C-alpha atoms as a PDB file:
ATOM      1  CA  UNK A   1     -42.594 -21.319  26.759  1.00  0.00           C
ATOM      2  CA  UNK A   2     -40.032 -21.355  24.036  1.00  0.00           C
ATOM      3  CA  UNK A   3     -37.595 -19.415  26.258  1.00  0.00           C
ATOM      4  CA  UNK A   4     -37.748 -22.046  28.966  1.00  0.00           C
ATOM      5  CA  UNK A   5     -37.352 -24.851  26.671  1.00  0.00           C
ATOM      6  CA  UNK A   6     -34.318 -23.054  25.059  1.00  0.00           C
ATOM      7  CA  UNK A   7     -32.694 -22.584  28.500  1.00  0.00           C
ATOM      8  CA  UNK A   8     -33.341 -26.273  29.475  1.00  0.00           C
ATOM      9  CA  UNK A   9     -31.703 -27.371  26.180  1.00  0.00           C
ATOM     10  CA  UNK A  10     -28.756 -25.006  26.786  1.00  0.00           C
ATOM     11  CA  UNK A  11     -28.247 -26.450  30.231  1.00  0.00           C
ATOM     12  CA  UNK A  12     -28.337 -29.964  28.828  1.00  0.00           C
ATOM     13  CA  UNK A  13     -25.726 -29.114  25.992  1.00  0.00           C
ATOM     14  CA  UNK A  14     -23.398 -27.508  28.588  1.00  0.00           C
ATOM     15  CA  UNK A  15     -23.279 -30.750  30.493  1.00  0.00           C
ATOM     16  CA  UNK A  16     -21.859 -32.366  27.488  1.00  0.00           C
ATOM     17  CA  UNK A  17     -18.933 -29.996  27.160  1.00  0.00           C
ATOM     18  CA  UNK A  18     -15.498 -31.119  27.777  1.00  0.00           C
ATOM     19  CA  UNK A  19     -13.995 -28.210  29.736  1.00  0.00           C
ATOM     20  CA  UNK A  20     -10.345 -27.412  29.393  1.00  0.00           C
ATOM     21  CA  UNK A  21      -8.025 -28.105  32.323  1.00  0.00           C
ATOM     22  CA  UNK A  22      -6.235 -25.286  33.981  1.00  0.00           C
ATOM     23  CA  UNK A  23      -3.032 -26.245  32.383  1.00  0.00           C
ATOM     24  CA  UNK A  24      -4.653 -26.091  28.931  1.00  0.00           C
ATOM     25  CA  UNK A  25      -6.080 -22.739  29.540  1.00  0.00           C
ATOM     26  CA  UNK A  26      -2.870 -21.396  30.763  1.00  0.00           C
ATOM     27  CA  UNK A  27      -1.023 -22.795  27.901  1.00  0.00           C
ATOM     28  CA  UNK A  28      -3.562 -21.053  25.537  1.00  0.00           C
ATOM     29  CA  UNK A  29      -3.314 -17.728  27.513  1.00  0.00           C
ATOM     30  CA  UNK A  30       0.566 -17.781  27.014  1.00  0.00           C
ATOM     31  CA  UNK A  31       0.212 -18.404  23.252  1.00  0.00           C
ATOM     32  CA  UNK A  32      -2.325 -15.531  22.906  1.00  0.00           C
ATOM     33  CA  UNK A  33      -0.235 -13.172  25.059  1.00  0.00           C
ATOM     34  CA  UNK A  34       2.959 -13.936  23.109  1.00  0.00           C
ATOM     35  CA  UNK A  35       1.378 -13.585  19.647  1.00  0.00           C
ATOM     36  CA  UNK A  36      -0.101 -10.270  20.752  1.00  0.00           C
ATOM     37  CA  UNK A  37       3.285  -8.893  21.769  1.00  0.00           C
ATOM     38  CA  UNK A  38       5.011 -10.214  18.706  1.00  0.00           C
ATOM     39  CA  UNK A  39       2.427  -8.532  16.506  1.00  0.00           C
ATOM     40  CA  UNK A  40       2.507  -5.251  18.603  1.00  0.00           C
ATOM     41  CA  UNK A  41       6.258  -5.139  18.195  1.00  0.00           C
ATOM     42  CA  UNK A  42       6.208  -5.658  14.437  1.00  0.00           C
ATOM     43  CA  UNK A  43       3.494  -2.864  14.111  1.00  0.00           C
ATOM     44  CA  UNK A  44       5.542  -0.654  16.193  1.00  0.00           C
ATOM     45  CA  UNK A  45       8.572  -1.139  14.195  1.00  0.00           C
ATOM     46  CA  UNK A  46       6.766  -0.679  10.882  1.00  0.00           C
ATOM     47  CA  UNK A  47       5.093   2.539  12.240  1.00  0.00           C
ATOM     48  CA  UNK A  48       8.413   3.872  13.339  1.00  0.00           C
ATOM     49  CA  UNK A  49       9.968   3.041   9.867  1.00  0.00           C
ATOM     50  CA  UNK A  50       7.290   4.474   7.865  1.00  0.00           C
ATOM     51  CA  UNK A  51       7.303   7.799  10.035  1.00  0.00           C
ATOM     52  CA  UNK A  52      11.001   8.142   9.519  1.00  0.00           C
ATOM     53  CA  UNK A  53      10.567   7.460   5.772  1.00  0.00           C
ATOM     54  CA  UNK A  54       7.977  10.171   5.445  1.00  0.00           C
ATOM     55  CA  UNK A  55      10.077  12.545   7.387  1.00  0.00           C
ATOM     56  CA  UNK A  56      13.022  11.997   5.080  1.00  0.00           C
ATOM     57  CA  UNK A  57      10.872  12.273   1.818  1.00  0.00           C
ATOM     58  CA  UNK A  58       8.861  15.212   3.024  1.00  0.00           C
END
């Protein structure tokens, strides 16, 4: 019985949610994608630099 009450309360709470618009979602996706690419490039450059540095030292 607790499970069904839980499901009913979840459905009631979901009706209260203010869902984002399509443009808000697209904007958020752009930010996440861009930040992921920037971090990947930074990590790639650091990896390359450390690899070359280790080749010079050893």
